[in-house]
Amino acid sequence: MSQSAPEDANGPDGSELYRFRLYVTGASTYSVRAIANIKHICETHLPGRYTLTIIDVHQQKQFAESVQIIALPLLIKEAPWPERRFIGDLSDTDKVLKGLGIIG
């Protein structure tokens, strides 16, 4: 499957917009922690510059198959390009920020 860069990755002021999908398994401890951690990271470092879609793979199995999930929780940064994937509860904020390209 080929992927291309998202067409509209900038906001009206020219700042980059981040688009995330977080795949979780119900209300497991890791899922709850991952949701809280990514929300905190986004609100702290990307206020007003992100969208976050949370997908419970138990309720929406077709999504798990389409993105070839190997472990959960899984965060996918879809924009800005390139796509990045993180597995785990996202508790290492510095590692997540560096991986997302928010800090150097």
PDB file of N, CA and C in Angstrom:
ATOM      1  N   MET A   1       0.843  -1.164   0.000  1.00  0.00           N
ATOM      2  CA  MET A   1       0.000   0.000   0.000  1.00  0.00           C
ATOM      3  C   MET A   1       0.896   1.238   0.000  1.00  0.00           C
ATOM      4  N   SER A   2       0.685   2.146  -0.911  1.00  0.00           N
ATOM      5  CA  SER A   2       1.497   3.352  -0.949  1.00  0.00           C
ATOM      6  C   SER A   2       0.773   4.464  -0.210  1.00  0.00           C
ATOM      7  N   GLN A   3       1.585   5.353   0.352  1.00  0.00           N
ATOM      8  CA  GLN A   3       1.018   6.476   1.076  1.00  0.00           C
ATOM      9  C   GLN A   3       1.626   7.746   0.526  1.00  0.00           C
ATOM     10  N   SER A   4       0.861   8.812   0.558  1.00  0.00           N
ATOM     11  CA  SER A   4       1.377  10.099   0.127  1.00  0.00           C
ATOM     12  C   SER A   4       1.224  11.092   1.261  1.00  0.00           C
ATOM     13  N   ALA A   5       1.952  12.176   1.154  1.00  0.00           N
ATOM     14  CA  ALA A   5       1.898  13.200   2.185  1.00  0.00           C
ATOM     15  C   ALA A   5       0.513  13.823   2.209  1.00  0.00           C
ATOM     16  N   PRO A   6       0.016  14.170   3.402  1.00  0.00           N
ATOM     17  CA  PRO A   6      -1.285  14.820   3.488  1.00  0.00           C
ATOM     18  C   PRO A   6      -1.260  16.155   2.760  1.00  0.00           C
ATOM     19  N   GLU A   7      -2.363  16.493   2.124  1.00  0.00           N
ATOM     20  CA  GLU A   7      -2.411  17.717   1.339  1.00  0.00           C
ATOM     21  C   GLU A   7      -2.432  18.966   2.206  1.00  0.00           C
ATOM     22  N   ASP A   8      -3.210  18.972   3.276  1.00  0.00           N
ATOM     23  CA  ASP A   8      -3.374  20.172   4.080  1.00  0.00           C
ATOM     24  C   ASP A   8      -2.838  19.927   5.477  1.00  0.00           C
ATOM     25  N   ALA A   9      -1.545  20.190   5.673  1.00  0.00           N
ATOM     26  CA  ALA A   9      -0.928  19.970   6.969  1.00  0.00           C
ATOM     27  C   ALA A   9      -0.612  21.282   7.658  1.00  0.00           C
ATOM     28  N   ASN A  10      -1.155  22.403   7.166  1.00  0.00           N
ATOM     29  CA  ASN A  10      -0.909  23.702   7.776  1.00  0.00           C
ATOM     30  C   ASN A  10      -2.217  24.372   8.156  1.00  0.00           C
ATOM     31  N   GLY A  11      -2.161  25.080   9.277  1.00  0.00           N
ATOM     32  CA  GLY A  11      -3.310  25.840   9.719  1.00  0.00           C
ATOM     33  C   GLY A  11      -3.353  27.193   9.035  1.00  0.00           C
ATOM     34  N   PRO A  12      -4.366  27.996   9.324  1.00  0.00           N
ATOM     35  CA  PRO A  12      -4.520  29.302   8.688  1.00  0.00           C
ATOM     36  C   PRO A  12      -3.355  30.246   8.975  1.00  0.00           C
ATOM     37  N   ASP A  13      -2.697  30.064  10.130  1.00  0.00           N
ATOM     38  CA  ASP A  13      -1.562  30.926  10.467  1.00  0.00           C
ATOM     39  C   ASP A  13      -0.238  30.349   9.974  1.00  0.00           C
ATOM     40  N   GLY A  14      -0.285  29.252   9.218  1.00  0.00           N
ATOM     41  CA  GLY A  14       0.925  28.644   8.677  1.00  0.00           C
ATOM     42  C   GLY A  14       1.558  27.608   9.580  1.00  0.00           C
ATOM     43  N   SER A  15       1.042  27.440  10.802  1.00  0.00           N
ATOM     44  CA  SER A  15       1.610  26.450  11.718  1.00  0.00           C
ATOM     45  C   SER A  15       1.187  25.044  11.292  1.00  0.00           C
ATOM     46  N   GLU A  16       2.059  24.081  11.579  1.00  0.00           N
ATOM     47  CA  GLU A  16       1.757  22.700  11.207  1.00  0.00           C
ATOM     48  C   GLU A  16       0.630  22.140  12.065  1.00  0.00           C
ATOM     49  N   LEU A  17      -0.293  21.444  11.426  1.00  0.00           N
ATOM     50  CA  LEU A  17      -1.352  20.745  12.137  1.00  0.00           C
ATOM     51  C   LEU A  17      -0.964  19.275  12.251  1.00  0.00           C
ATOM     52  N   TYR A  18      -1.141  18.722  13.423  1.00  0.00           N
ATOM     53  CA  TYR A  18      -0.811  17.326  13.672  1.00  0.00           C
ATOM     54  C   TYR A  18      -2.091  16.515  13.709  1.00  0.00           C
ATOM     55  N   ARG A  19      -2.060  15.360  13.055  1.00  0.00           N
ATOM     56  CA  ARG A  19      -3.217  14.465  13.038  1.00  0.00           C
ATOM     57  C   ARG A  19      -2.774  13.107  13.581  1.00  0.00           C
ATOM     58  N   PHE A  20      -3.430  12.681  14.668  1.00  0.00           N
ATOM     59  CA  PHE A  20      -3.081  11.436  15.343  1.00  0.00           C
ATOM     60  C   PHE A  20      -4.259  10.475  15.364  1.00  0.00           C
ATOM     61  N   ARG A  21      -3.929   9.183  15.344  1.00  0.00           N
ATOM     62  CA  ARG A  21      -4.897   8.114  15.619  1.00  0.00           C
ATOM     63  C   ARG A  21      -4.280   7.261  16.714  1.00  0.00           C
ATOM     64  N   LEU A  22      -5.048   7.026  17.763  1.00  0.00           N
ATOM     65  CA  LEU A  22      -4.595   6.187  18.865  1.00  0.00           C
ATOM     66  C   LEU A  22      -5.480   4.954  18.914  1.00  0.00           C
ATOM     67  N   TYR A  23      -4.871   3.796  18.731  1.00  0.00           N
ATOM     68  CA  TYR A  23      -5.581   2.513  18.766  1.00  0.00           C
ATOM     69  C   TYR A  23      -5.392   1.907  20.147  1.00  0.00           C
ATOM     70  N   VAL A  24      -6.498   1.569  20.799  1.00  0.00           N
ATOM     71  CA  VAL A  24      -6.465   1.040  22.161  1.00  0.00           C
ATOM     72  C   VAL A  24      -7.330  -0.213  22.259  1.00  0.00           C
ATOM     73  N   THR A  25      -7.212  -0.886  23.412  1.00  0.00           N
ATOM     74  CA  THR A  25      -8.034  -2.074  23.687  1.00  0.00           C
ATOM     75  C   THR A  25      -8.932  -1.783  24.874  1.00  0.00           C
ATOM     76  N   GLY A  26     -10.086  -1.240  24.615  1.00  0.00           N
ATOM     77  CA  GLY A  26     -11.047  -0.972  25.673  1.00  0.00           C
ATOM     78  C   GLY A  26     -10.494  -0.055  26.745  1.00  0.00           C
ATOM     79  N   ALA A  27     -10.811  -0.393  27.989  1.00  0.00           N
ATOM     80  CA  ALA A  27     -10.408   0.432  29.124  1.00  0.00           C
ATOM     81  C   ALA A  27      -9.271  -0.213  29.904  1.00  0.00           C
ATOM     82  N   SER A  28      -8.364  -0.884  29.206  1.00  0.00           N
ATOM     83  CA  SER A  28      -7.222  -1.492  29.888  1.00  0.00           C
ATOM     84  C   SER A  28      -6.353  -0.403  30.515  1.00  0.00           C
ATOM     85  N   THR A  29      -5.546  -0.783  31.476  1.00  0.00           N
ATOM     86  CA  THR A  29      -4.671   0.169  32.160  1.00  0.00           C
ATOM     87  C   THR A  29      -3.779   0.898  31.171  1.00  0.00           C
ATOM     88  N   TYR A  30      -3.150   0.159  30.254  1.00  0.00           N
ATOM     89  CA  TYR A  30      -2.265   0.784  29.270  1.00  0.00           C
ATOM     90  C   TYR A  30      -3.025   1.725  28.345  1.00  0.00           C
ATOM     91  N   SER A  31      -4.225   1.349  27.962  1.00  0.00           N
ATOM     92  CA  SER A  31      -5.026   2.196  27.081  1.00  0.00           C
ATOM     93  C   SER A  31      -5.395   3.507  27.763  1.00  0.00           C
ATOM     94  N   VAL A  32      -5.870   3.418  28.986  1.00  0.00           N
ATOM     95  CA  VAL A  32      -6.256   4.618  29.738  1.00  0.00           C
ATOM     96  C   VAL A  32      -5.052   5.530  29.926  1.00  0.00           C
ATOM     97  N   ARG A  33      -3.912   4.941  30.259  1.00  0.00           N
ATOM     98  CA  ARG A  33      -2.684   5.713  30.445  1.00  0.00           C
ATOM     99  C   ARG A  33      -2.245   6.375  29.137  1.00  0.00           C
ATOM    100  N   ALA A  34      -2.306   5.628  28.044  1.00  0.00           N
ATOM    101  CA  ALA A  34      -1.902   6.178  26.745  1.00  0.00           C
ATOM    102  C   ALA A  34      -2.796   7.349  26.341  1.00  0.00           C
ATOM    103  N   ILE A  35      -4.094   7.215  26.559  1.00  0.00           N
ATOM    104  CA  ILE A  35      -5.027   8.299  26.228  1.00  0.00           C
ATOM    105  C   ILE A  35      -4.698   9.546  27.040  1.00  0.00           C
ATOM    106  N   ALA A  36      -4.519   9.383  28.338  1.00  0.00           N
ATOM    107  CA  ALA A  36      -4.202  10.526  29.202  1.00  0.00           C
ATOM    108  C   ALA A  36      -2.871  11.158  28.802  1.00  0.00           C
ATOM    109  N   ASN A  37      -1.872  10.330  28.518  1.00  0.00           N
ATOM    110  CA  ASN A  37      -0.547  10.854  28.178  1.00  0.00           C
ATOM    111  C   ASN A  37      -0.549  11.622  26.864  1.00  0.00           C
ATOM    112  N   ILE A  38      -1.177  11.087  25.827  1.00  0.00           N
ATOM    113  CA  ILE A  38      -1.157  11.799  24.538  1.00  0.00           C
ATOM    114  C   ILE A  38      -2.002  13.069  24.605  1.00  0.00           C
ATOM    115  N   LYS A  39      -3.101  13.044  25.349  1.00  0.00           N
ATOM    116  CA  LYS A  39      -3.892  14.271  25.510  1.00  0.00           C
ATOM    117  C   LYS A  39      -3.073  15.344  26.220  1.00  0.00           C
ATOM    118  N   HIS A  40      -2.341  14.950  27.259  1.00  0.00           N
ATOM    119  CA  HIS A  40      -1.501  15.909  27.988  1.00  0.00           C
ATOM    120  C   HIS A  40      -0.400  16.461  27.080  1.00  0.00           C
ATOM    121  N   ILE A  41       0.264  15.588  26.339  1.00  0.00           N
ATOM    122  CA  ILE A  41       1.328  16.023  25.429  1.00  0.00           C
ATOM    123  C   ILE A  41       0.773  17.007  24.401  1.00  0.00           C
ATOM    124  N   CYS A  42      -0.345  16.677  23.808  1.00  0.00           N
ATOM    125  CA  CYS A  42      -0.930  17.542  22.782  1.00  0.00           C
ATOM    126  C   CYS A  42      -1.377  18.883  23.346  1.00  0.00           C
ATOM    127  N   GLU A  43      -2.056  18.863  24.486  1.00  0.00           N
ATOM    128  CA  GLU A  43      -2.533  20.114  25.075  1.00  0.00           C
ATOM    129  C   GLU A  43      -1.384  20.993  25.550  1.00  0.00           C
ATOM    130  N   THR A  44      -0.295  20.377  25.992  1.00  0.00           N
ATOM    131  CA  THR A  44       0.854  21.134  26.479  1.00  0.00           C
ATOM    132  C   THR A  44       1.705  21.681  25.336  1.00  0.00           C
ATOM    133  N   HIS A  45       1.941  20.878  24.305  1.00  0.00           N
ATOM    134  CA  HIS A  45       2.896  21.237  23.260  1.00  0.00           C
ATOM    135  C   HIS A  45       2.260  21.613  21.922  1.00  0.00           C
ATOM    136  N   LEU A  46       0.997  21.271  21.708  1.00  0.00           N
ATOM    137  CA  LEU A  46       0.335  21.548  20.423  1.00  0.00           C
ATOM    138  C   LEU A  46      -1.073  22.113  20.614  1.00  0.00           C
ATOM    139  N   PRO A  47      -1.283  23.027  21.551  1.00  0.00           N
ATOM    140  CA  PRO A  47      -2.652  23.487  21.796  1.00  0.00           C
ATOM    141  C   PRO A  47      -3.277  24.093  20.541  1.00  0.00           C
ATOM    142  N   GLY A  48      -4.453  23.568  20.172  1.00  0.00           N
ATOM    143  CA  GLY A  48      -5.165  24.068  19.004  1.00  0.00           C
ATOM    144  C   GLY A  48      -4.568  23.669  17.668  1.00  0.00           C
ATOM    145  N   ARG A  49      -3.548  22.801  17.690  1.00  0.00           N
ATOM    146  CA  ARG A  49      -2.858  22.438  16.443  1.00  0.00           C
ATOM    147  C   ARG A  49      -2.869  20.935  16.197  1.00  0.00           C
ATOM    148  N   TYR A  50      -3.875  20.241  16.699  1.00  0.00           N
ATOM    149  CA  TYR A  50      -3.893  18.789  16.518  1.00  0.00           C
ATOM    150  C   TYR A  50      -5.322  18.266  16.484  1.00  0.00           C
ATOM    151  N   THR A  51      -5.454  17.076  15.895  1.00  0.00           N
ATOM    152  CA  THR A  51      -6.678  16.292  16.028  1.00  0.00           C
ATOM    153  C   THR A  51      -6.259  14.916  16.523  1.00  0.00           C
ATOM    154  N   LEU A  52      -7.062  14.352  17.379  1.00  0.00           N
ATOM    155  CA  LEU A  52      -6.783  13.043  17.957  1.00  0.00           C
ATOM    156  C   LEU A  52      -8.033  12.188  17.823  1.00  0.00           C
ATOM    157  N   THR A  53      -7.890  11.063  17.131  1.00  0.00           N
ATOM    158  CA  THR A  53      -8.978  10.102  16.995  1.00  0.00           C
ATOM    159  C   THR A  53      -8.600   8.869  17.791  1.00  0.00           C
ATOM    160  N   ILE A  54      -9.463   8.454  18.704  1.00  0.00           N
ATOM    161  CA  ILE A  54      -9.207   7.272  19.528  1.00  0.00           C
ATOM    162  C   ILE A  54     -10.093   6.143  19.020  1.00  0.00           C
ATOM    163  N   ILE A  55      -9.456   5.020  18.716  1.00  0.00           N
ATOM    164  CA  ILE A  55     -10.165   3.874  18.144  1.00  0.00           C
ATOM    165  C   ILE A  55      -9.984   2.667  19.046  1.00  0.00           C
ATOM    166  N   ASP A  56     -11.088   2.133  19.541  1.00  0.00           N
ATOM    167  CA  ASP A  56     -11.072   0.909  20.340  1.00  0.00           C
ATOM    168  C   ASP A  56     -11.172  -0.265  19.371  1.00  0.00           C
ATOM    169  N   VAL A  57     -10.101  -1.039  19.263  1.00  0.00           N
ATOM    170  CA  VAL A  57     -10.070  -2.110  18.259  1.00  0.00           C
ATOM    171  C   VAL A  57     -11.025  -3.252  18.589  1.00  0.00           C
ATOM    172  N   HIS A  58     -11.466  -3.355  19.838  1.00  0.00           N
ATOM    173  CA  HIS A  58     -12.465  -4.375  20.162  1.00  0.00           C
ATOM    174  C   HIS A  58     -13.824  -4.009  19.568  1.00  0.00           C
ATOM    175  N   GLN A  59     -14.104  -2.722  19.488  1.00  0.00           N
ATOM    176  CA  GLN A  59     -15.376  -2.266  18.937  1.00  0.00           C
ATOM    177  C   GLN A  59     -15.310  -2.023  17.435  1.00  0.00           C
ATOM    178  N   GLN A  60     -14.116  -1.756  16.922  1.00  0.00           N
ATOM    179  CA  GLN A  60     -13.948  -1.439  15.500  1.00  0.00           C
ATOM    180  C   GLN A  60     -12.803  -2.266  14.918  1.00  0.00           C
ATOM    181  N   LYS A  61     -13.014  -3.555  14.827  1.00  0.00           N
ATOM    182  CA  LYS A  61     -11.968  -4.488  14.391  1.00  0.00           C
ATOM    183  C   LYS A  61     -11.446  -4.211  12.984  1.00  0.00           C
ATOM    184  N   GLN A  62     -12.281  -3.682  12.113  1.00  0.00           N
ATOM    185  CA  GLN A  62     -11.850  -3.432  10.740  1.00  0.00           C
ATOM    186  C   GLN A  62     -10.689  -2.442  10.682  1.00  0.00           C
ATOM    187  N   PHE A  63     -10.617  -1.506  11.637  1.00  0.00           N
ATOM    188  CA  PHE A  63      -9.525  -0.539  11.649  1.00  0.00           C
ATOM    189  C   PHE A  63      -8.203  -1.206  12.004  1.00  0.00           C
ATOM    190  N   ALA A  64      -8.238  -2.151  12.912  1.00  0.00           N
ATOM    191  CA  ALA A  64      -7.022  -2.860  13.315  1.00  0.00           C
ATOM    192  C   ALA A  64      -6.420  -3.603  12.136  1.00  0.00           C
ATOM    193  N   GLU A  65      -7.249  -4.225  11.335  1.00  0.00           N
ATOM    194  CA  GLU A  65      -6.758  -4.973  10.180  1.00  0.00           C
ATOM    195  C   GLU A  65      -6.204  -4.046   9.108  1.00  0.00           C
ATOM    196  N   SER A  66      -6.816  -2.916   8.916  1.00  0.00           N
ATOM    197  CA  SER A  66      -6.403  -2.024   7.828  1.00  0.00           C
ATOM    198  C   SER A  66      -5.064  -1.341   8.074  1.00  0.00           C
ATOM    199  N   VAL A  67      -4.650  -1.189   9.339  1.00  0.00           N
ATOM    200  CA  VAL A  67      -3.369  -0.524   9.622  1.00  0.00           C
ATOM    201  C   VAL A  67      -2.296  -1.496  10.097  1.00  0.00           C
ATOM    202  N   GLN A  68      -2.578  -2.777  10.045  1.00  0.00           N
ATOM    203  CA  GLN A  68      -1.611  -3.823  10.397  1.00  0.00           C
ATOM    204  C   GLN A  68      -1.028  -3.618  11.795  1.00  0.00           C
ATOM    205  N   ILE A  69      -1.892  -3.604  12.786  1.00  0.00           N
ATOM    206  CA  ILE A  69      -1.487  -3.410  14.174  1.00  0.00           C
ATOM    207  C   ILE A  69      -0.802  -4.671  14.683  1.00  0.00           C
ATOM    208  N   ILE A  70       0.360  -4.475  15.312  1.00  0.00           N
ATOM    209  CA  ILE A  70       1.083  -5.611  15.887  1.00  0.00           C
ATOM    210  C   ILE A  70       1.090  -5.580  17.408  1.00  0.00           C
ATOM    211  N   ALA A  71       0.840  -4.409  18.003  1.00  0.00           N
ATOM    212  CA  ALA A  71       0.798  -4.268  19.459  1.00  0.00           C
ATOM    213  C   ALA A  71      -0.039  -3.040  19.802  1.00  0.00           C
ATOM    214  N   LEU A  72      -0.585  -3.032  21.009  1.00  0.00           N
ATOM    215  CA  LEU A  72      -1.428  -1.925  21.466  1.00  0.00           C
ATOM    216  C   LEU A  72      -1.014  -1.487  22.859  1.00  0.00           C
ATOM    217  N   PRO A  73      -1.271  -0.247  23.223  1.00  0.00           N
ATOM    218  CA  PRO A  73      -1.790   0.855  22.439  1.00  0.00           C
ATOM    219  C   PRO A  73      -0.795   1.276  21.346  1.00  0.00           C
ATOM    220  N   LEU A  74      -1.337   1.799  20.254  1.00  0.00           N
ATOM    221  CA  LEU A  74      -0.540   2.235  19.109  1.00  0.00           C
ATOM    222  C   LEU A  74      -0.968   3.640  18.716  1.00  0.00           C
ATOM    223  N   LEU A  75      -0.001   4.560  18.688  1.00  0.00           N
ATOM    224  CA  LEU A  75      -0.256   5.924  18.225  1.00  0.00           C
ATOM    225  C   LEU A  75       0.346   6.063  16.834  1.00  0.00           C
ATOM    226  N   ILE A  76      -0.450   6.560  15.899  1.00  0.00           N
ATOM    227  CA  ILE A  76       0.047   6.839  14.554  1.00  0.00           C
ATOM    228  C   ILE A  76      -0.072   8.337  14.311  1.00  0.00           C
ATOM    229  N   LYS A  77       1.055   8.957  13.985  1.00  0.00           N
ATOM    230  CA  LYS A  77       1.050  10.365  13.571  1.00  0.00           C
ATOM    231  C   LYS A  77       0.887  10.358  12.060  1.00  0.00           C
ATOM    232  N   GLU A  78      -0.260  10.806  11.590  1.00  0.00           N
ATOM    233  CA  GLU A  78      -0.554  10.804  10.157  1.00  0.00           C
ATOM    234  C   GLU A  78      -0.095  12.079   9.463  1.00  0.00           C
ATOM    235  N   ALA A  79      -0.046  13.171  10.185  1.00  0.00           N
ATOM    236  CA  ALA A  79       0.389  14.451   9.624  1.00  0.00           C
ATOM    237  C   ALA A  79       1.014  15.262  10.748  1.00  0.00           C
ATOM    238  N   PRO A  80       2.015  16.078  10.472  1.00  0.00           N
ATOM    239  CA  PRO A  80       2.633  16.240   9.164  1.00  0.00           C
ATOM    240  C   PRO A  80       3.477  15.018   8.799  1.00  0.00           C
ATOM    241  N   TRP A  81       3.721  14.891   7.531  1.00  0.00           N
ATOM    242  CA  TRP A  81       4.488  13.799   6.971  1.00  0.00           C
ATOM    243  C   TRP A  81       5.901  13.828   7.515  1.00  0.00           C
ATOM    244  N   PRO A  82       6.630  12.779   7.771  1.00  0.00           N
ATOM    245  CA  PRO A  82       6.280  11.394   7.494  1.00  0.00           C
ATOM    246  C   PRO A  82       5.455  10.784   8.624  1.00  0.00           C
ATOM    247  N   GLU A  83       4.748   9.705   8.289  1.00  0.00           N
ATOM    248  CA  GLU A  83       3.990   8.969   9.296  1.00  0.00           C
ATOM    249  C   GLU A  83       4.965   8.382  10.311  1.00  0.00           C
ATOM    250  N   ARG A  84       4.566   8.415  11.584  1.00  0.00           N
ATOM    251  CA  ARG A  84       5.357   7.804  12.658  1.00  0.00           C
ATOM    252  C   ARG A  84       4.433   6.957  13.510  1.00  0.00           C
ATOM    253  N   ARG A  85       4.984   5.885  14.104  1.00  0.00           N
ATOM    254  CA  ARG A  85       4.209   4.985  14.963  1.00  0.00           C
ATOM    255  C   ARG A  85       4.915   4.802  16.299  1.00  0.00           C
ATOM    256  N   PHE A  86       4.117   4.787  17.364  1.00  0.00           N
ATOM    257  CA  PHE A  86       4.620   4.574  18.719  1.00  0.00           C
ATOM    258  C   PHE A  86       3.769   3.510  19.383  1.00  0.00           C
ATOM    259  N   ILE A  87       4.418   2.577  20.052  1.00  0.00           N
ATOM    260  CA  ILE A  87       3.717   1.516  20.771  1.00  0.00           C
ATOM    261  C   ILE A  87       3.956   1.712  22.260  1.00  0.00           C
ATOM    262  N   GLY A  88       2.904   1.568  23.055  1.00  0.00           N
ATOM    263  CA  GLY A  88       3.038   1.658  24.505  1.00  0.00           C
ATOM    264  C   GLY A  88       2.145   2.731  25.088  1.00  0.00           C
ATOM    265  N   ASP A  89       2.390   3.049  26.362  1.00  0.00           N
ATOM    266  CA  ASP A  89       1.507   3.988  27.058  1.00  0.00           C
ATOM    267  C   ASP A  89       1.920   5.451  26.897  1.00  0.00           C
ATOM    268  N   LEU A  90       2.966   5.715  26.109  1.00  0.00           N
ATOM    269  CA  LEU A  90       3.408   7.072  25.778  1.00  0.00           C
ATOM    270  C   LEU A  90       3.828   7.863  27.007  1.00  0.00           C
ATOM    271  N   SER A  91       4.347   7.169  28.027  1.00  0.00           N
ATOM    272  CA  SER A  91       4.715   7.832  29.276  1.00  0.00           C
ATOM    273  C   SER A  91       6.061   8.545  29.208  1.00  0.00           C
ATOM    274  N   ASP A  92       6.910   8.213  28.245  1.00  0.00           N
ATOM    275  CA  ASP A  92       8.201   8.888  28.086  1.00  0.00           C
ATOM    276  C   ASP A  92       7.990  10.099  27.175  1.00  0.00           C
ATOM    277  N   THR A  93       7.612  11.213  27.792  1.00  0.00           N
ATOM    278  CA  THR A  93       7.229  12.407  27.042  1.00  0.00           C
ATOM    279  C   THR A  93       8.327  12.876  26.103  1.00  0.00           C
ATOM    280  N   ASP A  94       9.578  12.927  26.578  1.00  0.00           N
ATOM    281  CA  ASP A  94      10.673  13.391  25.723  1.00  0.00           C
ATOM    282  C   ASP A  94      10.836  12.513  24.490  1.00  0.00           C
ATOM    283  N   LYS A  95      10.750  11.213  24.681  1.00  0.00           N
ATOM    284  CA  LYS A  95      10.885  10.282  23.552  1.00  0.00           C
ATOM    285  C   LYS A  95       9.755  10.492  22.547  1.00  0.00           C
ATOM    286  N   VAL A  96       8.541  10.679  23.036  1.00  0.00           N
ATOM    287  CA  VAL A  96       7.396  10.909  22.151  1.00  0.00           C
ATOM    288  C   VAL A  96       7.567  12.229  21.402  1.00  0.00           C
ATOM    289  N   LEU A  97       7.946  13.294  22.107  1.00  0.00           N
ATOM    290  CA  LEU A  97       8.125  14.600  21.468  1.00  0.00           C
ATOM    291  C   LEU A  97       9.209  14.561  20.397  1.00  0.00           C
ATOM    292  N   LYS A  98      10.317  13.903  20.691  1.00  0.00           N
ATOM    293  CA  LYS A  98      11.399  13.782  19.703  1.00  0.00           C
ATOM    294  C   LYS A  98      10.939  12.952  18.511  1.00  0.00           C
ATOM    295  N   GLY A  99      10.264  11.858  18.783  1.00  0.00           N
ATOM    296  CA  GLY A  99       9.784  11.000  17.709  1.00  0.00           C
ATOM    297  C   GLY A  99       8.767  11.683  16.811  1.00  0.00           C
ATOM    298  N   LEU A 100       7.975  12.565  17.387  1.00  0.00           N
ATOM    299  CA  LEU A 100       6.982  13.304  16.608  1.00  0.00           C
ATOM    300  C   LEU A 100       7.594  14.483  15.863  1.00  0.00           C
ATOM    301  N   GLY A 101       8.845  14.806  16.196  1.00  0.00           N
ATOM    302  CA  GLY A 101       9.502  15.937  15.555  1.00  0.00           C
ATOM    303  C   GLY A 101       9.110  17.273  16.152  1.00  0.00           C
ATOM    304  N   ILE A 102       8.546  17.267  17.354  1.00  0.00           N
ATOM    305  CA  ILE A 102       8.132  18.508  18.006  1.00  0.00           C
ATOM    306  C   ILE A 102       9.333  19.194  18.645  1.00  0.00           C
ATOM    307  N   ILE A 103      10.251  18.387  19.186  1.00  0.00           N
ATOM    308  CA  ILE A 103      11.516  18.914  19.707  1.00  0.00           C
ATOM    309  C   ILE A 103      12.654  18.144  19.048  1.00  0.00           C
ATOM    310  N   GLY A 104      13.843  18.767  19.018  1.00  0.00           N
ATOM    311  CA  GLY A 104      14.999  18.159  18.337  1.00  0.00           C
ATOM    312  C   GLY A 104      15.721  17.132  19.062  1.00  0.00           C
TER     313      GLY A 104
END
